[in-house]
C-alpha atoms as a PDB file:
ATOM      1  CA  LEU A   1     131.415 115.581 112.339  1.00  0.00           C
ATOM      2  CA  SER A   2     133.484 117.625 109.861  1.00  0.00           C
ATOM      3  CA  ALA A   3     135.930 118.593 112.640  1.00  0.00           C
ATOM      4  CA  GLU A   4     136.472 114.889 113.336  1.00  0.00           C
ATOM      5  CA  MET A   5     137.302 114.282 109.677  1.00  0.00           C
ATOM      6  CA  ILE A   6     140.108 116.847 109.412  1.00  0.00           C
ATOM      7  CA  GLY A   7     143.427 115.083 109.042  1.00  0.00           C
ATOM      8  CA  THR A   8     141.867 111.648 108.639  1.00  0.00           C
ATOM      9  CA  ARG A   9     143.687 109.449 106.145  1.00  0.00           C
ATOM     10  CA  PRO A  10     141.568 108.117 103.251  1.00  0.00           C
ATOM     11  CA  ASP A  11     142.305 104.503 104.235  1.00  0.00           C
ATOM     12  CA  MET A  12     140.488 105.192 107.513  1.00  0.00           C
ATOM     13  CA  LEU A  13     137.354 106.189 105.625  1.00  0.00           C
ATOM     14  CA  LEU A  14     137.179 103.635 102.841  1.00  0.00           C
ATOM     15  CA  ALA A  15     137.574  99.853 102.815  1.00  0.00           C
ATOM     16  CA  TYR A  16     140.380  99.325 100.296  1.00  0.00           C
ATOM     17  CA  SER A  17     139.763  95.581 100.411  1.00  0.00           C
ATOM     18  CA  GLU A  18     136.621  96.129  98.305  1.00  0.00           C
ATOM     19  CA  PRO A  19     137.265  96.137  94.523  1.00  0.00           C
ATOM     20  CA  LYS A  20     134.362  98.571  93.975  1.00  0.00           C
ATOM     21  CA  ASN A  21     136.053 101.072  96.274  1.00  0.00           C
ATOM     22  CA  ILE A  22     139.329 100.769  94.365  1.00  0.00           C
ATOM     23  CA  ASP A  23     137.391 101.463  91.150  1.00  0.00           C
ATOM     24  CA  PHE A  24     135.791 104.448  92.896  1.00  0.00           C
ATOM     25  CA  ILE A  25     139.209 105.892  93.801  1.00  0.00           C
ATOM     26  CA  LYS A  26     140.607 105.264  90.312  1.00  0.00           C
ATOM     27  CA  ALA A  27     137.596 107.023  88.756  1.00  0.00           C
ATOM     28  CA  PHE A  28     138.084 109.978  91.133  1.00  0.00           C
ATOM     29  CA  ILE A  29     141.705 110.327  89.981  1.00  0.00           C
ATOM     30  CA  ARG A  30     140.964 109.667  86.299  1.00  0.00           C
ATOM     31  CA  LYS A  31     138.267 112.356  86.277  1.00  0.00           C
ATOM     32  CA  GLY A  32     140.610 115.018  87.597  1.00  0.00           C
ATOM     33  CA  PHE A  33     139.743 114.627  91.305  1.00  0.00           C
ATOM     34  CA  ARG A  34     136.040 115.278  90.772  1.00  0.00           C
ATOM     35  CA  ILE A  35     133.334 112.638  90.899  1.00  0.00           C
ATOM     36  CA  ASN A  36     129.544 112.658  91.234  1.00  0.00           C
ATOM     37  CA  ASP A  37     127.104 109.954  92.310  1.00  0.00           C
ATOM     38  CA  ALA A  38     129.812 107.340  92.892  1.00  0.00           C
ATOM     39  CA  GLU A  39     128.942 104.439  95.165  1.00  0.00           C
ATOM     40  CA  SER A  40     131.213 103.207  97.912  1.00  0.00           C
ATOM     41  CA  TYR A  41     131.006 100.240 100.238  1.00  0.00           C
ATOM     42  CA  GLU A  42     132.143 100.609 103.815  1.00  0.00           C
ATOM     43  CA  PHE A  43     131.663  99.182 107.292  1.00  0.00           C
ATOM     44  CA  ASP A  44     130.295 100.876 110.390  1.00  0.00           C
ATOM     45  CA  LYS A  45     131.926 100.608 113.837  1.00  0.00           C
ATOM     46  CA  GLN A  46     130.116  97.318 114.491  1.00  0.00           C
ATOM     47  CA  GLY A  47     131.372  95.842 111.194  1.00  0.00           C
ATOM     48  CA  ASN A  48     128.019  96.067 109.402  1.00  0.00           C
ATOM     49  CA  PRO A  49     128.139  96.830 105.666  1.00  0.00           C
ATOM     50  CA  LYS A  50     127.093 100.334 104.609  1.00  0.00           C
ATOM     51  CA  TYR A  51     126.547 101.741 101.121  1.00  0.00           C
ATOM     52  CA  PHE A  52     126.990 105.395 100.217  1.00  0.00           C
ATOM     53  CA  VAL A  53     126.654 107.616  97.181  1.00  0.00           C
ATOM     54  CA  ASN A  54     129.422 110.211  97.052  1.00  0.00           C
ATOM     55  CA  ASN A  55     130.121 113.544  95.405  1.00  0.00           C
ATOM     56  CA  LEU A  56     133.744 114.649  95.785  1.00  0.00           C
ATOM     57  CA  VAL A  57     135.926 117.522  94.654  1.00  0.00           C
ATOM     58  CA  GLY A  58     139.677 117.430  95.180  1.00  0.00           C
ATOM     59  CA  ILE A  59     141.598 120.613  95.876  1.00  0.00           C
ATOM     60  CA  VAL A  60     144.943 120.539  94.060  1.00  0.00           C
ATOM     61  CA  GLU A  61     147.700 123.009  95.009  1.00  0.00           C
ATOM     62  CA  ASN A  62     151.099 123.093  93.305  1.00  0.00           C
ATOM     63  CA  GLY A  63     150.327 119.803  91.600  1.00  0.00           C
ATOM     64  CA  TYR A  64     149.426 117.983  94.832  1.00  0.00           C
ATOM     65  CA  LEU A  65     146.035 116.862  96.063  1.00  0.00           C
ATOM     66  CA  LYS A  66     145.707 118.759  99.348  1.00  0.00           C
ATOM     67  CA  ARG A  67     142.086 118.368 100.380  1.00  0.00           C
ATOM     68  CA  ILE A  68     138.913 116.615  99.373  1.00  0.00           C
ATOM     69  CA  TRP A  69     135.498 118.191  99.862  1.00  0.00           C
ATOM     70  CA  GLY A  70     132.403 116.148  99.438  1.00  0.00           C
ATOM     71  CA  THR A  71     129.043 114.877 100.446  1.00  0.00           C
ATOM     72  CA  GLN A  72     127.994 111.371 101.238  1.00  0.00           C
ATOM     73  CA  GLN A  73     124.488 109.944 101.400  1.00  0.00           C
ATOM     74  CA  ASP A  74     123.743 106.639 103.124  1.00  0.00           C
ATOM     75  CA  ILE A  75     121.864 104.365 100.693  1.00  0.00           C
ATOM     76  CA  THR A  76     122.222 101.158 102.723  1.00  0.00           C
ATOM     77  CA  GLU A  77     118.471 100.632 103.178  1.00  0.00           C
ATOM     78  CA  LYS A  78     117.834 101.235  99.474  1.00  0.00           C
ATOM     79  CA  LYS A  79     120.492  98.624  98.603  1.00  0.00           C
ATOM     80  CA  ARG A  80     118.939  96.107 101.025  1.00  0.00           C
ATOM     81  CA  ILE A  81     115.496  96.619  99.454  1.00  0.00           C
ATOM     82  CA  GLU A  82     116.943  96.205  95.944  1.00  0.00           C
ATOM     83  CA  GLU A  83     118.684  92.986  96.978  1.00  0.00           C
ATOM     84  CA  ARG A  84     115.482  91.641  98.564  1.00  0.00           C
ATOM     85  CA  ASN A  85     113.535  92.507  95.399  1.00  0.00           C
ATOM     86  CA  ARG A  86     116.126  90.705  93.224  1.00  0.00           C
ATOM     87  CA  TYR A  87     115.854  87.670  95.495  1.00  0.00           C
ATOM     88  CA  LEU A  88     112.044  87.665  95.370  1.00  0.00           C
ATOM     89  CA  ALA A  89     112.108  88.118  91.594  1.00  0.00           C
ATOM     90  CA  SER A  90     114.390  85.102  91.242  1.00  0.00           C
ATOM     91  CA  LEU A  91     112.043  83.032  93.433  1.00  0.00           C
ATOM     92  CA  THR A  92     108.969  83.897  91.380  1.00  0.00           C
ATOM     93  CA  HIS A  93     110.841  83.260  88.141  1.00  0.00           C
ATOM     94  CA  ASP A  94     111.792  79.703  89.066  1.00  0.00           C
ATOM     95  CA  VAL A  95     108.547  78.355  90.578  1.00  0.00           C
ATOM     96  CA  SER A  96     106.080  76.224  88.647  1.00  0.00           C
ATOM     97  CA  ASP A  97     103.022  78.208  89.861  1.00  0.00           C
ATOM     98  CA  ALA A  98     101.744  81.147  87.851  1.00  0.00           C
ATOM     99  CA  ILE A  99     102.490  84.385  89.687  1.00  0.00           C
ATOM    100  CA  LEU A 100     101.201  87.745  88.525  1.00  0.00           C
ATOM    101  CA  SER A 101     101.343  91.070  90.289  1.00  0.00           C
ATOM    102  CA  GLY A 102      99.105  94.019  89.615  1.00  0.00           C
ATOM    103  CA  ASP A 103      98.437  97.599  90.581  1.00  0.00           C
ATOM    104  CA  LEU A 104      95.309  99.069  92.179  1.00  0.00           C
ATOM    105  CA  ASP A 105      93.656  99.328  88.756  1.00  0.00           C
ATOM    106  CA  PHE A 106      94.233  95.567  88.298  1.00  0.00           C
ATOM    107  CA  ARG A 107      96.743  96.130  85.521  1.00  0.00           C
ATOM    108  CA  ILE A 108      99.444  93.483  85.326  1.00  0.00           C
ATOM    109  CA  ILE A 109     102.867  94.677  86.506  1.00  0.00           C
ATOM    110  CA  SER A 110     104.757  91.396  86.280  1.00  0.00           C
ATOM    111  CA  CYS A 111     104.271  87.796  85.261  1.00  0.00           C
ATOM    112  CA  ASN A 112     106.570  84.828  85.710  1.00  0.00           C
ATOM    113  CA  PRO A 113     107.293  82.182  83.017  1.00  0.00           C
ATOM    114  CA  ALA A 114     104.724  79.777  84.531  1.00  0.00           C
ATOM    115  CA  GLY A 115     102.070  82.517  84.134  1.00  0.00           C
ATOM    116  CA  GLU A 116     103.053  83.016  80.514  1.00  0.00           C
ATOM    117  CA  LYS A 117     102.687  79.286  79.902  1.00  0.00           C
ATOM    118  CA  LEU A 118      99.361  78.987  81.750  1.00  0.00           C
ATOM    119  CA  PHE A 119      97.697  82.032  80.190  1.00  0.00           C
ATOM    120  CA  GLY A 120      99.182  81.665  76.719  1.00  0.00           C
ATOM    121  CA  PHE A 121     100.519  85.226  76.499  1.00  0.00           C
ATOM    122  CA  SER A 122     104.046  86.549  76.834  1.00  0.00           C
ATOM    123  CA  ALA A 123     104.760  88.825  79.792  1.00  0.00           C
ATOM    124  CA  LYS A 124     105.291  91.633  77.280  1.00  0.00           C
ATOM    125  CA  GLU A 125     101.740  91.097  75.949  1.00  0.00           C
ATOM    126  CA  MET A 126     100.266  91.066  79.480  1.00  0.00           C
ATOM    127  CA  ILE A 127     102.108  93.878  81.273  1.00  0.00           C
ATOM    128  CA  GLY A 128     100.012  97.035  81.419  1.00  0.00           C
ATOM    129  CA  ARG A 129      96.780  95.217  80.595  1.00  0.00           C
ATOM    130  CA  ARG A 130      94.066  93.945  82.920  1.00  0.00           C
ATOM    131  CA  VAL A 131      93.617  90.194  83.319  1.00  0.00           C
ATOM    132  CA  GLU A 132      89.920  90.458  82.428  1.00  0.00           C
ATOM    133  CA  ASP A 133      90.905  92.134  79.134  1.00  0.00           C
ATOM    134  CA  LEU A 134      92.932  89.037  78.252  1.00  0.00           C
ATOM    135  CA  LEU A 135      90.854  86.207  79.708  1.00  0.00           C
ATOM    136  CA  GLU A 136      87.235  85.445  80.477  1.00  0.00           C
ATOM    137  CA  ILE A 137      87.246  84.807  84.234  1.00  0.00           C
ATOM    138  CA  HIS A 138      84.545  82.840  86.077  1.00  0.00           C
ATOM    139  CA  TYR A 139      84.612  83.141  89.874  1.00  0.00           C
ATOM    140  CA  HIS A 140      83.286  80.188  91.868  1.00  0.00           C
ATOM    141  CA  ASN A 141      80.964  80.966  94.811  1.00  0.00           C
ATOM    142  CA  THR A 142      81.435  84.733  94.427  1.00  0.00           C
ATOM    143  CA  ASP A 143      81.468  87.477  91.829  1.00  0.00           C
ATOM    144  CA  ARG A 144      83.964  90.076  90.606  1.00  0.00           C
ATOM    145  CA  PRO A 145      82.613  92.983  92.757  1.00  0.00           C
ATOM    146  CA  ASP A 146      82.973  90.839  95.899  1.00  0.00           C
ATOM    147  CA  VAL A 147      86.537  89.866  94.918  1.00  0.00           C
ATOM    148  CA  ILE A 148      87.438  93.529  94.393  1.00  0.00           C
ATOM    149  CA  ARG A 149      85.863  94.523  97.722  1.00  0.00           C
ATOM    150  CA  GLN A 150      87.871  91.845  99.563  1.00  0.00           C
ATOM    151  CA  LEU A 151      91.068  92.937  97.847  1.00  0.00           C
ATOM    152  CA  TYR A 152      90.559  96.519  98.994  1.00  0.00           C
ATOM    153  CA  ASP A 153      89.305  95.617 102.479  1.00  0.00           C
ATOM    154  CA  LYS A 154      91.679  92.765 103.343  1.00  0.00           C
ATOM    155  CA  GLY A 155      94.490  93.217 100.859  1.00  0.00           C
ATOM    156  CA  SER A 156      93.964  89.745  99.442  1.00  0.00           C
ATOM    157  CA  TRP A 157      91.376  87.371  98.083  1.00  0.00           C
ATOM    158  CA  ASN A 158      91.287  83.607  98.471  1.00  0.00           C
ATOM    159  CA  GLY A 159      88.972  81.560  96.353  1.00  0.00           C
ATOM    160  CA  GLU A 160      88.572  79.642  93.151  1.00  0.00           C
ATOM    161  CA  ALA A 161      88.252  80.922  89.641  1.00  0.00           C
ATOM    162  CA  SER A 162      88.538  79.444  86.201  1.00  0.00           C
ATOM    163  CA  PHE A 163      89.248  81.152  82.946  1.00  0.00           C
ATOM    164  CA  MET A 164      88.816  80.755  79.238  1.00  0.00           C
ATOM    165  CA  HIS A 165      91.439  81.929  76.817  1.00  0.00           C
ATOM    166  CA  PRO A 166      89.872  83.869  73.922  1.00  0.00           C
ATOM    167  CA  ARG A 167      91.499  81.442  71.462  1.00  0.00           C
ATOM    168  CA  GLU A 168      89.682  78.518  73.147  1.00  0.00           C
ATOM    169  CA  GLN A 169      86.189  79.959  72.762  1.00  0.00           C
END
């Protein structure tokens, strides 16, 4: 691949139509032809968008930039996952149903505004704590050990539960 790159003009490697790429080039020049962990946005042969993180060093001889050495790591999949997560976060933020997520120890990782309103705690107060430490939960037609078993076995639990807020007792 490096043999194919020799003599290639920069405009053949980077989409100049992208403002982020122009900023990338300006930063490379401004920092004395050396840049680390700079993102670029490009297109593959089929026209699909690709994201890269770049580390470049320019070789200057007699005051002229002669060569550029560097590495490039494809981070396209990471960018797609981040975008999907932002989209899902915006969906959960705007719905009227309470949505909480938790880890395997049943500690709250996130809570949307509807959850804050329903449970009477801010997300900041809930994150890192277990739901049962905040609320008295009563499961209908089952018990907590069965709920936990189903969560581990099936990955989900469907059923009914009610809760009492400590301030209501």
